[in-house]
Amino acid sequence: MLKRFNLPACPVETALMMMGDRWKVLIVRNLLTGTKRFGELKKGLDGISQKVLTDHLRIMEENGLVNRKIYAEVPPKVEYSLTPLGQSLKPIHDAMWKWGEQFQKKAKTIKN
């Protein structure tokens, strides 16, 4: 369910409100390649605690970016995937990737 917001007037500020956190961007990065279980997500996010990952996934689910599917098994199996709204962040992720690559190349030439 999409959480109700008092949205800022600026669209950039709105985007930052939804994705302006390091972990959220990296969670999206990991889910862009497909559905993941909690342990797979945690393994792909070096340095994140279980609590922080759980909190971020809950917030992202409330905001309509992430789906959580629970299987009736013992032990419980839970899978996370991006919703269509979450998938719509791909062009932003791709632009950040491209910019980061270019910056890394420039930083290497500055160092040398």
N, C-alpha and C. Protein backbone atom coordinates (compact mmCIF):
# COMPACT_ATOMS: atom_id res chain seq x y z
N MET A 1 0.84 -1.18 0.00
CA MET A 1 0.00 0.00 0.00
C MET A 1 0.89 1.24 0.00
N LEU A 2 0.56 2.21 -0.83
CA LEU A 2 1.32 3.43 -0.92
C LEU A 2 0.98 4.34 0.25
N LYS A 3 2.01 4.76 0.96
CA LYS A 3 1.86 5.63 2.11
C LYS A 3 1.45 7.03 1.65
N ARG A 4 0.64 7.69 2.42
CA ARG A 4 0.23 9.06 2.10
C ARG A 4 1.32 10.03 2.57
N PHE A 5 1.61 11.00 1.74
CA PHE A 5 2.67 11.95 2.04
C PHE A 5 2.17 13.38 1.91
N ASN A 6 2.83 14.24 2.63
CA ASN A 6 2.76 15.66 2.34
C ASN A 6 3.95 15.90 1.43
N LEU A 7 3.70 15.89 0.13
CA LEU A 7 4.80 15.98 -0.82
C LEU A 7 5.32 17.40 -0.94
N PRO A 8 6.65 17.52 -1.06
CA PRO A 8 7.23 18.85 -1.28
C PRO A 8 6.86 19.37 -2.66
N ALA A 9 6.98 20.66 -2.85
CA ALA A 9 6.66 21.26 -4.14
C ALA A 9 7.67 20.86 -5.22
N CYS A 10 8.90 20.65 -4.83
CA CYS A 10 9.97 20.34 -5.77
C CYS A 10 10.01 18.84 -6.08
N PRO A 11 9.91 18.43 -7.35
CA PRO A 11 9.96 17.02 -7.71
C PRO A 11 11.28 16.34 -7.33
N VAL A 12 12.39 17.08 -7.38
CA VAL A 12 13.68 16.50 -6.98
C VAL A 12 13.65 16.14 -5.50
N GLU A 13 13.07 17.01 -4.70
CA GLU A 13 12.95 16.75 -3.26
C GLU A 13 12.05 15.54 -3.01
N THR A 14 11.01 15.38 -3.82
CA THR A 14 10.13 14.20 -3.70
C THR A 14 10.93 12.93 -3.98
N ALA A 15 11.71 12.93 -5.06
CA ALA A 15 12.54 11.76 -5.40
C ALA A 15 13.52 11.46 -4.28
N LEU A 16 14.13 12.47 -3.73
CA LEU A 16 15.07 12.27 -2.62
C LEU A 16 14.36 11.73 -1.38
N MET A 17 13.14 12.16 -1.17
CA MET A 17 12.38 11.67 -0.04
C MET A 17 12.16 10.15 -0.16
N MET A 18 11.93 9.68 -1.38
CA MET A 18 11.69 8.26 -1.60
C MET A 18 12.98 7.45 -1.66
N MET A 19 14.05 8.02 -2.22
CA MET A 19 15.26 7.24 -2.49
C MET A 19 16.54 7.89 -1.98
N GLY A 20 16.45 8.93 -1.18
CA GLY A 20 17.63 9.71 -0.81
C GLY A 20 18.50 9.09 0.26
N ASP A 21 18.52 7.81 0.34
CA ASP A 21 19.30 7.11 1.36
C ASP A 21 20.19 6.10 0.66
N ARG A 22 21.42 6.00 1.09
CA ARG A 22 22.39 5.08 0.49
C ARG A 22 21.84 3.66 0.40
N TRP A 23 21.26 3.18 1.48
CA TRP A 23 20.81 1.79 1.51
C TRP A 23 19.64 1.55 0.57
N LYS A 24 18.73 2.51 0.48
CA LYS A 24 17.58 2.34 -0.40
C LYS A 24 18.03 2.21 -1.86
N VAL A 25 18.97 3.04 -2.25
CA VAL A 25 19.48 2.99 -3.62
C VAL A 25 20.14 1.64 -3.88
N LEU A 26 20.89 1.13 -2.91
CA LEU A 26 21.58 -0.15 -3.09
C LEU A 26 20.61 -1.33 -3.03
N ILE A 27 19.56 -1.22 -2.25
CA ILE A 27 18.52 -2.26 -2.24
C ILE A 27 17.87 -2.33 -3.62
N VAL A 28 17.54 -1.17 -4.18
CA VAL A 28 16.97 -1.14 -5.53
C VAL A 28 17.95 -1.76 -6.52
N ARG A 29 19.22 -1.40 -6.42
CA ARG A 29 20.24 -1.98 -7.32
C ARG A 29 20.19 -3.50 -7.28
N ASN A 30 20.13 -4.06 -6.08
CA ASN A 30 20.13 -5.52 -5.94
C ASN A 30 18.84 -6.14 -6.44
N LEU A 31 17.72 -5.47 -6.27
CA LEU A 31 16.44 -6.03 -6.70
C LEU A 31 16.18 -5.83 -8.19
N LEU A 32 16.92 -4.93 -8.83
CA LEU A 32 16.75 -4.74 -10.28
C LEU A 32 17.14 -6.00 -11.04
N THR A 33 17.96 -6.86 -10.45
CA THR A 33 18.36 -8.10 -11.12
C THR A 33 17.39 -9.24 -10.86
N GLY A 34 16.38 -9.00 -10.01
CA GLY A 34 15.37 -10.02 -9.77
C GLY A 34 15.04 -10.18 -8.30
N THR A 35 14.11 -11.09 -8.04
CA THR A 35 13.61 -11.37 -6.69
C THR A 35 14.73 -11.93 -5.83
N LYS A 36 14.77 -11.48 -4.56
CA LYS A 36 15.80 -11.93 -3.62
C LYS A 36 15.16 -12.26 -2.27
N ARG A 37 15.77 -13.21 -1.59
CA ARG A 37 15.41 -13.48 -0.20
C ARG A 37 16.21 -12.53 0.68
N PHE A 38 15.79 -12.41 1.94
CA PHE A 38 16.41 -11.46 2.87
C PHE A 38 17.92 -11.69 2.96
N GLY A 39 18.33 -12.95 3.14
CA GLY A 39 19.75 -13.27 3.27
C GLY A 39 20.56 -12.88 2.05
N GLU A 40 19.97 -13.06 0.87
CA GLU A 40 20.65 -12.67 -0.36
C GLU A 40 20.85 -11.16 -0.42
N LEU A 41 19.82 -10.43 -0.02
CA LEU A 41 19.93 -8.96 0.01
C LEU A 41 21.01 -8.52 0.99
N LYS A 42 20.99 -9.09 2.18
CA LYS A 42 21.96 -8.71 3.21
C LYS A 42 23.37 -8.99 2.75
N LYS A 43 23.57 -10.13 2.11
CA LYS A 43 24.90 -10.50 1.62
C LYS A 43 25.40 -9.51 0.57
N GLY A 44 24.49 -8.98 -0.24
CA GLY A 44 24.86 -8.04 -1.29
C GLY A 44 25.01 -6.60 -0.84
N LEU A 45 24.80 -6.35 0.46
CA LEU A 45 24.87 -4.98 0.99
C LEU A 45 25.90 -4.94 2.11
N ASP A 46 27.15 -4.82 1.74
CA ASP A 46 28.25 -4.87 2.69
C ASP A 46 28.11 -3.77 3.75
N GLY A 47 28.03 -4.18 5.01
CA GLY A 47 27.99 -3.23 6.11
C GLY A 47 26.61 -2.91 6.66
N ILE A 48 25.56 -3.39 6.03
CA ILE A 48 24.21 -3.09 6.53
C ILE A 48 23.87 -4.07 7.65
N SER A 49 23.21 -3.57 8.68
CA SER A 49 22.77 -4.44 9.77
C SER A 49 21.42 -5.05 9.41
N GLN A 50 21.07 -6.12 10.09
CA GLN A 50 19.79 -6.77 9.85
C GLN A 50 18.64 -5.82 10.16
N LYS A 51 18.77 -5.05 11.24
CA LYS A 51 17.72 -4.11 11.64
C LYS A 51 17.52 -3.02 10.59
N VAL A 52 18.61 -2.46 10.11
CA VAL A 52 18.51 -1.38 9.12
C VAL A 52 17.90 -1.92 7.82
N LEU A 53 18.32 -3.10 7.38
CA LEU A 53 17.75 -3.68 6.18
C LEU A 53 16.25 -3.94 6.36
N THR A 54 15.88 -4.51 7.49
CA THR A 54 14.47 -4.77 7.77
C THR A 54 13.67 -3.47 7.76
N ASP A 55 14.18 -2.45 8.44
CA ASP A 55 13.48 -1.15 8.49
C ASP A 55 13.32 -0.55 7.09
N HIS A 56 14.37 -0.58 6.30
CA HIS A 56 14.31 0.00 4.96
C HIS A 56 13.35 -0.78 4.06
N LEU A 57 13.39 -2.09 4.14
CA LEU A 57 12.46 -2.89 3.33
C LEU A 57 11.01 -2.60 3.71
N ARG A 58 10.73 -2.44 4.99
CA ARG A 58 9.37 -2.11 5.43
C ARG A 58 8.93 -0.76 4.89
N ILE A 59 9.80 0.23 5.00
CA ILE A 59 9.48 1.57 4.51
C ILE A 59 9.26 1.54 3.00
N MET A 60 10.14 0.83 2.29
CA MET A 60 10.01 0.76 0.84
C MET A 60 8.75 0.00 0.42
N GLU A 61 8.36 -0.97 1.22
CA GLU A 61 7.10 -1.68 0.96
C GLU A 61 5.91 -0.75 1.19
N GLU A 62 5.93 0.00 2.29
CA GLU A 62 4.86 0.96 2.59
C GLU A 62 4.74 2.02 1.50
N ASN A 63 5.88 2.39 0.92
CA ASN A 63 5.90 3.43 -0.10
C ASN A 63 5.61 2.90 -1.50
N GLY A 64 5.37 1.60 -1.61
CA GLY A 64 4.99 1.03 -2.89
C GLY A 64 6.13 0.70 -3.82
N LEU A 65 7.38 0.66 -3.31
CA LEU A 65 8.54 0.36 -4.15
C LEU A 65 8.88 -1.12 -4.17
N VAL A 66 8.57 -1.82 -3.08
CA VAL A 66 8.98 -3.22 -2.91
C VAL A 66 7.77 -4.09 -2.59
N ASN A 67 7.74 -5.27 -3.18
CA ASN A 67 6.77 -6.31 -2.82
C ASN A 67 7.44 -7.28 -1.86
N ARG A 68 6.67 -7.75 -0.89
CA ARG A 68 7.14 -8.79 0.03
C ARG A 68 6.18 -9.96 -0.08
N LYS A 69 6.71 -11.11 -0.44
CA LYS A 69 5.89 -12.31 -0.58
C LYS A 69 6.31 -13.32 0.47
N ILE A 70 5.34 -13.75 1.29
CA ILE A 70 5.59 -14.71 2.37
C ILE A 70 5.02 -16.06 1.96
N TYR A 71 5.84 -17.09 2.06
CA TYR A 71 5.40 -18.45 1.76
C TYR A 71 5.10 -19.17 3.06
N ALA A 72 4.02 -19.93 3.06
CA ALA A 72 3.61 -20.68 4.26
C ALA A 72 4.45 -21.94 4.36
N GLU A 73 5.65 -21.78 4.85
CA GLU A 73 6.59 -22.89 5.03
C GLU A 73 7.21 -22.78 6.41
N VAL A 74 7.84 -23.86 6.82
CA VAL A 74 8.62 -23.84 8.06
C VAL A 74 10.04 -24.25 7.70
N PRO A 75 11.03 -23.39 7.92
CA PRO A 75 10.92 -22.00 8.38
C PRO A 75 10.29 -21.12 7.30
N PRO A 76 9.74 -19.98 7.71
CA PRO A 76 9.07 -19.10 6.75
C PRO A 76 10.04 -18.65 5.65
N LYS A 77 9.54 -18.59 4.45
CA LYS A 77 10.32 -18.11 3.31
C LYS A 77 9.71 -16.77 2.89
N VAL A 78 10.55 -15.75 2.77
CA VAL A 78 10.08 -14.42 2.37
C VAL A 78 10.95 -13.97 1.20
N GLU A 79 10.30 -13.48 0.17
CA GLU A 79 11.00 -12.97 -1.00
C GLU A 79 10.62 -11.51 -1.24
N TYR A 80 11.59 -10.75 -1.73
CA TYR A 80 11.39 -9.33 -2.02
C TYR A 80 11.64 -9.09 -3.50
N SER A 81 10.81 -8.23 -4.08
CA SER A 81 10.97 -7.84 -5.47
C SER A 81 10.51 -6.40 -5.62
N LEU A 82 10.88 -5.80 -6.73
CA LEU A 82 10.44 -4.43 -6.99
C LEU A 82 9.04 -4.43 -7.60
N THR A 83 8.24 -3.49 -7.20
CA THR A 83 6.94 -3.26 -7.82
C THR A 83 7.19 -2.53 -9.15
N PRO A 84 6.16 -2.35 -9.95
CA PRO A 84 6.35 -1.52 -11.16
C PRO A 84 6.87 -0.11 -10.82
N LEU A 85 6.40 0.45 -9.71
CA LEU A 85 6.91 1.76 -9.28
C LEU A 85 8.40 1.67 -8.96
N GLY A 86 8.80 0.61 -8.26
CA GLY A 86 10.22 0.40 -7.95
C GLY A 86 11.03 0.20 -9.22
N GLN A 87 10.48 -0.56 -10.18
CA GLN A 87 11.17 -0.77 -11.46
C GLN A 87 11.36 0.54 -12.22
N SER A 88 10.45 1.49 -12.00
CA SER A 88 10.55 2.77 -12.70
C SER A 88 11.77 3.58 -12.26
N LEU A 89 12.46 3.13 -11.20
CA LEU A 89 13.69 3.80 -10.75
C LEU A 89 14.91 3.38 -11.56
N LYS A 90 14.77 2.40 -12.44
CA LYS A 90 15.90 1.89 -13.22
C LYS A 90 16.63 2.99 -14.00
N PRO A 91 15.94 3.88 -14.71
CA PRO A 91 16.69 4.93 -15.43
C PRO A 91 17.51 5.82 -14.50
N ILE A 92 17.01 6.07 -13.30
CA ILE A 92 17.77 6.86 -12.32
C ILE A 92 19.00 6.09 -11.88
N HIS A 93 18.82 4.81 -11.59
CA HIS A 93 19.94 3.95 -11.20
C HIS A 93 20.99 3.90 -12.32
N ASP A 94 20.53 3.73 -13.56
CA ASP A 94 21.45 3.65 -14.70
C ASP A 94 22.23 4.95 -14.86
N ALA A 95 21.57 6.09 -14.67
CA ALA A 95 22.25 7.39 -14.77
C ALA A 95 23.29 7.54 -13.67
N MET A 96 22.96 7.09 -12.47
CA MET A 96 23.92 7.15 -11.36
C MET A 96 25.12 6.25 -11.65
N TRP A 97 24.86 5.06 -12.22
CA TRP A 97 25.92 4.12 -12.58
C TRP A 97 26.88 4.77 -13.58
N LYS A 98 26.30 5.35 -14.64
CA LYS A 98 27.10 5.97 -15.69
C LYS A 98 27.93 7.13 -15.12
N TRP A 99 27.30 7.97 -14.32
CA TRP A 99 28.02 9.09 -13.72
C TRP A 99 29.16 8.58 -12.83
N GLY A 100 28.88 7.55 -12.03
CA GLY A 100 29.89 6.99 -11.15
C GLY A 100 31.07 6.42 -11.91
N GLU A 101 30.80 5.74 -13.03
CA GLU A 101 31.88 5.21 -13.87
C GLU A 101 32.76 6.34 -14.40
N GLN A 102 32.11 7.40 -14.90
CA GLN A 102 32.86 8.53 -15.44
C GLN A 102 33.70 9.20 -14.36
N PHE A 103 33.12 9.35 -13.17
CA PHE A 103 33.85 9.97 -12.07
C PHE A 103 35.05 9.11 -11.67
N GLN A 104 34.86 7.80 -11.60
CA GLN A 104 35.97 6.90 -11.24
C GLN A 104 37.11 7.03 -12.23
N LYS A 105 36.78 7.11 -13.53
CA LYS A 105 37.83 7.26 -14.55
C LYS A 105 38.59 8.57 -14.36
N LYS A 106 37.85 9.66 -14.13
CA LYS A 106 38.48 10.96 -13.93
C LYS A 106 39.31 10.98 -12.65
N ALA A 107 38.81 10.35 -11.60
CA ALA A 107 39.54 10.31 -10.34
C ALA A 107 40.86 9.57 -10.50
N LYS A 108 40.87 8.51 -11.30
CA LYS A 108 42.11 7.75 -11.54
C LYS A 108 43.14 8.60 -12.28
N THR A 109 42.68 9.40 -13.23
CA THR A 109 43.63 10.23 -13.98
C THR A 109 44.16 11.37 -13.12
N ILE A 110 43.36 11.85 -12.19
CA ILE A 110 43.80 12.92 -11.29
C ILE A 110 44.84 12.38 -10.32
N LYS A 111 44.64 11.15 -9.84
CA LYS A 111 45.57 10.52 -8.90
C LYS A 111 46.95 10.33 -9.52
N ASN A 112 46.97 9.97 -10.80
CA ASN A 112 48.25 9.64 -11.47
C ASN A 112 48.96 10.84 -11.97
